Amino acid sequence: GLLAPLAGRARGRLRRLWLAAGALLPALLVLSTSSAAANWRSDLSLYRADLLRDPDNGIAYYHYGYAVLRRRGCGEALPIFLAAARLAPDYARGWHNVAGCLENLGRAAEAEEPARRAVELEPDNARSQYNLAVALAARGDRTGATHALEQCLAREPSFKPARELLVGL
């Protein structure tokens, strides 16, 4: 009987504590969600946040590089794609975009190695075959370029740039 009044007071305090925690939890969740949502302002901020969380993630570098490419072009995206290829050497997209950016920057002769790597990783990707053809044509290998273009067109017959390059060889 002596403990009954203490138990009643303890239950009252415990109830107030639960009510305070119940009110505080939604506020913390709103703040956390608001902070995370700030990363979704654009794909640039989202992928930049991914890189800050995991700076050794080559696929995150690729996605960030693609966002940079769309806004600022190959000049700024190329170093990011190079990092993606270095950190995720088995991810074909990184190599593909290294080759594509080198070609777009007028450095097609340098694109052969990354283009070959992209084709090795994804032999059915017509665009990677095209990048390889451009690189080979730039260094004067018409036979190799023709073969790569034939491979490209076998996979994507309506790819106009490949048809145009083939006619021009």
Protein backbone atom coordinates (compact mmCIF):
# COMPACT_ATOMS: atom_id res chain seq x y z
CA GLY A 1 0.00 0.00 0.00
CA LEU A 2 2.91 2.33 0.65
CA LEU A 3 4.16 1.94 -2.93
CA ALA A 4 0.81 2.67 -4.60
CA PRO A 5 1.14 6.51 -4.42
CA LEU A 6 4.71 6.32 -5.75
CA ALA A 7 3.62 4.06 -8.62
CA GLY A 8 0.84 6.52 -9.49
CA ARG A 9 3.28 9.46 -9.60
CA ALA A 10 5.79 7.42 -11.64
CA ARG A 11 3.08 6.51 -14.15
CA GLY A 12 2.13 10.16 -14.47
CA ARG A 13 5.74 11.18 -15.11
CA LEU A 14 6.22 8.29 -17.53
CA ARG A 15 3.07 9.32 -19.39
CA ARG A 16 4.32 12.94 -19.70
CA LEU A 17 7.69 11.65 -20.90
CA TRP A 18 5.99 9.51 -23.57
CA LEU A 19 3.87 12.48 -24.68
CA ALA A 20 6.97 14.69 -24.95
CA ALA A 21 8.83 12.01 -26.90
CA GLY A 22 5.76 11.54 -29.13
CA ALA A 23 5.76 15.26 -29.93
CA LEU A 24 9.53 15.44 -30.43
CA LEU A 25 9.78 12.46 -32.78
CA PRO A 26 7.69 13.97 -35.62
CA ALA A 27 9.68 17.21 -35.37
CA LEU A 28 12.95 15.29 -35.72
CA LEU A 29 11.57 13.32 -38.66
CA VAL A 30 10.46 16.52 -40.42
CA LEU A 31 13.90 18.06 -39.95
CA SER A 32 15.63 14.91 -41.21
CA THR A 33 13.36 14.66 -44.23
CA SER A 34 13.79 18.35 -45.01
CA SER A 35 17.56 17.98 -44.90
CA ALA A 36 17.52 14.93 -47.20
CA ALA A 37 15.07 16.60 -49.59
CA ALA A 38 17.54 19.43 -50.13
CA ASN A 39 19.69 16.92 -52.02
CA TRP A 40 16.86 16.43 -54.53
CA ARG A 41 16.87 20.02 -55.81
CA SER A 42 18.63 18.77 -58.92
CA ASP A 43 20.41 15.69 -60.16
CA LEU A 44 23.71 17.55 -59.65
CA SER A 45 23.06 18.08 -55.95
CA LEU A 46 21.73 14.55 -55.52
CA TYR A 47 24.76 12.86 -57.10
CA ARG A 48 27.16 15.27 -55.38
CA ALA A 49 25.64 14.19 -52.06
CA ASP A 50 26.15 10.54 -53.08
CA LEU A 51 29.82 11.26 -53.76
CA LEU A 52 30.26 12.93 -50.40
CA ARG A 53 28.75 9.89 -48.70
CA ASP A 54 30.75 7.38 -50.76
CA PRO A 55 33.76 8.97 -52.50
CA ASP A 56 35.01 5.63 -53.85
CA ASN A 57 31.81 4.77 -55.70
CA GLY A 58 32.58 4.78 -59.43
CA ILE A 59 28.95 4.43 -60.44
CA ALA A 60 28.05 7.52 -58.40
CA TYR A 61 30.85 9.34 -60.25
CA TYR A 62 29.36 8.21 -63.55
CA HIS A 63 25.91 9.58 -62.67
CA TYR A 64 27.37 12.83 -61.41
CA GLY A 65 29.45 13.07 -64.59
CA TYR A 66 26.36 12.54 -66.72
CA ALA A 67 24.56 15.37 -64.91
CA VAL A 68 27.61 17.61 -65.44
CA LEU A 69 27.77 16.58 -69.11
CA ARG A 70 24.18 17.62 -69.72
CA ARG A 71 24.70 21.05 -68.17
CA ARG A 72 28.32 21.95 -68.83
CA GLY A 73 29.57 19.66 -71.59
CA CYS A 74 32.39 17.20 -72.05
CA GLY A 75 35.17 19.53 -70.96
CA GLU A 76 33.98 19.44 -67.36
CA ALA A 77 32.52 15.93 -67.45
CA LEU A 78 35.56 14.10 -68.82
CA PRO A 79 37.61 14.13 -65.57
CA ILE A 80 34.56 12.83 -63.70
CA PHE A 81 34.05 10.01 -66.22
CA LEU A 82 37.75 9.16 -65.95
CA ALA A 83 37.33 8.84 -62.18
CA ALA A 84 34.25 6.67 -62.73
CA ALA A 85 36.19 4.35 -65.05
CA ARG A 86 39.10 4.15 -62.60
CA LEU A 87 36.88 3.41 -59.60
CA ALA A 88 34.45 1.07 -61.40
CA PRO A 89 36.54 -0.56 -64.13
CA ASP A 90 33.84 -3.14 -64.91
CA TYR A 91 31.11 -0.53 -65.47
CA ALA A 92 30.83 -0.08 -69.24
CA ARG A 93 29.00 3.24 -69.15
CA GLY A 94 31.95 5.02 -67.60
CA TRP A 95 34.30 3.82 -70.35
CA HIS A 96 31.69 4.59 -73.01
CA ASN A 97 31.38 8.18 -71.87
CA VAL A 98 35.15 8.64 -71.56
CA ALA A 99 35.43 7.63 -75.23
CA GLY A 100 32.48 9.76 -76.27
CA CYS A 101 33.77 12.86 -74.51
CA LEU A 102 37.26 12.44 -75.94
CA GLU A 103 35.70 12.25 -79.39
CA ASN A 104 33.49 15.28 -78.77
CA LEU A 105 36.53 17.24 -77.60
CA GLY A 106 38.39 16.50 -80.84
CA ARG A 107 40.63 13.90 -79.21
CA ALA A 108 39.22 10.86 -81.01
CA ALA A 109 42.61 9.18 -81.43
CA GLU A 110 42.83 8.99 -77.61
CA ALA A 111 39.41 7.33 -77.41
CA GLU A 112 40.40 3.94 -78.77
CA GLU A 113 41.39 2.31 -75.47
CA PRO A 114 38.30 3.41 -73.50
CA ALA A 115 36.07 2.59 -76.49
CA ARG A 116 37.55 -0.92 -76.71
CA ARG A 117 37.04 -1.39 -72.98
CA ALA A 118 33.37 -0.35 -73.29
CA VAL A 119 32.87 -2.80 -76.18
CA GLU A 120 34.54 -5.60 -74.19
CA LEU A 121 32.18 -5.00 -71.29
CA GLU A 122 29.04 -4.53 -73.42
CA PRO A 123 29.59 -6.02 -76.86
CA ASP A 124 25.93 -5.56 -77.82
CA ASN A 125 25.94 -1.80 -77.21
CA ALA A 126 25.75 -0.21 -80.66
CA ARG A 127 26.81 3.21 -79.39
CA SER A 128 30.00 1.79 -77.91
CA GLN A 129 30.73 0.13 -81.25
CA TYR A 130 30.21 3.53 -82.88
CA ASN A 131 32.65 5.20 -80.47
CA LEU A 132 35.21 2.55 -81.33
CA ALA A 133 34.65 3.16 -85.05
CA VAL A 134 35.18 6.91 -84.62
CA ALA A 135 38.40 6.33 -82.69
CA LEU A 136 39.71 3.87 -85.27
CA ALA A 137 38.80 6.16 -88.15
CA ALA A 138 40.60 9.03 -86.43
CA ARG A 139 43.81 7.07 -86.33
CA GLY A 140 43.40 5.94 -89.96
CA ASP A 141 42.29 2.34 -89.42
CA ARG A 142 39.55 2.20 -92.07
CA THR A 143 39.24 -1.59 -91.91
CA GLY A 144 38.78 -1.60 -88.14
CA ALA A 145 36.39 1.37 -88.31
CA THR A 146 34.32 -0.33 -91.01
CA HIS A 147 34.08 -3.53 -88.96
CA ALA A 148 33.02 -1.60 -85.83
CA LEU A 149 30.40 0.31 -87.84
CA GLU A 150 29.03 -2.93 -89.27
CA GLN A 151 28.76 -4.28 -85.73
CA CYS A 152 27.04 -1.07 -84.65
CA LEU A 153 24.53 -1.16 -87.50
CA ALA A 154 23.84 -4.86 -86.97
CA ARG A 155 22.66 -3.91 -83.48
CA GLU A 156 20.97 -0.61 -84.34
CA PRO A 157 20.24 -0.38 -88.08
CA SER A 158 18.63 3.06 -87.89
CA PHE A 159 21.61 4.76 -86.18
CA LYS A 160 22.16 7.60 -88.66
CA PRO A 161 25.64 8.79 -87.52
CA ALA A 162 27.00 5.28 -88.04
CA ARG A 163 25.54 5.11 -91.57
CA GLU A 164 27.00 8.52 -92.39
CA LEU A 165 30.44 7.60 -91.11
CA LEU A 166 30.39 4.32 -93.01
CA VAL A 167 29.57 6.14 -96.26
CA GLY A 168 32.37 8.64 -95.56
CA LEU A 169 35.07 6.01 -95.02
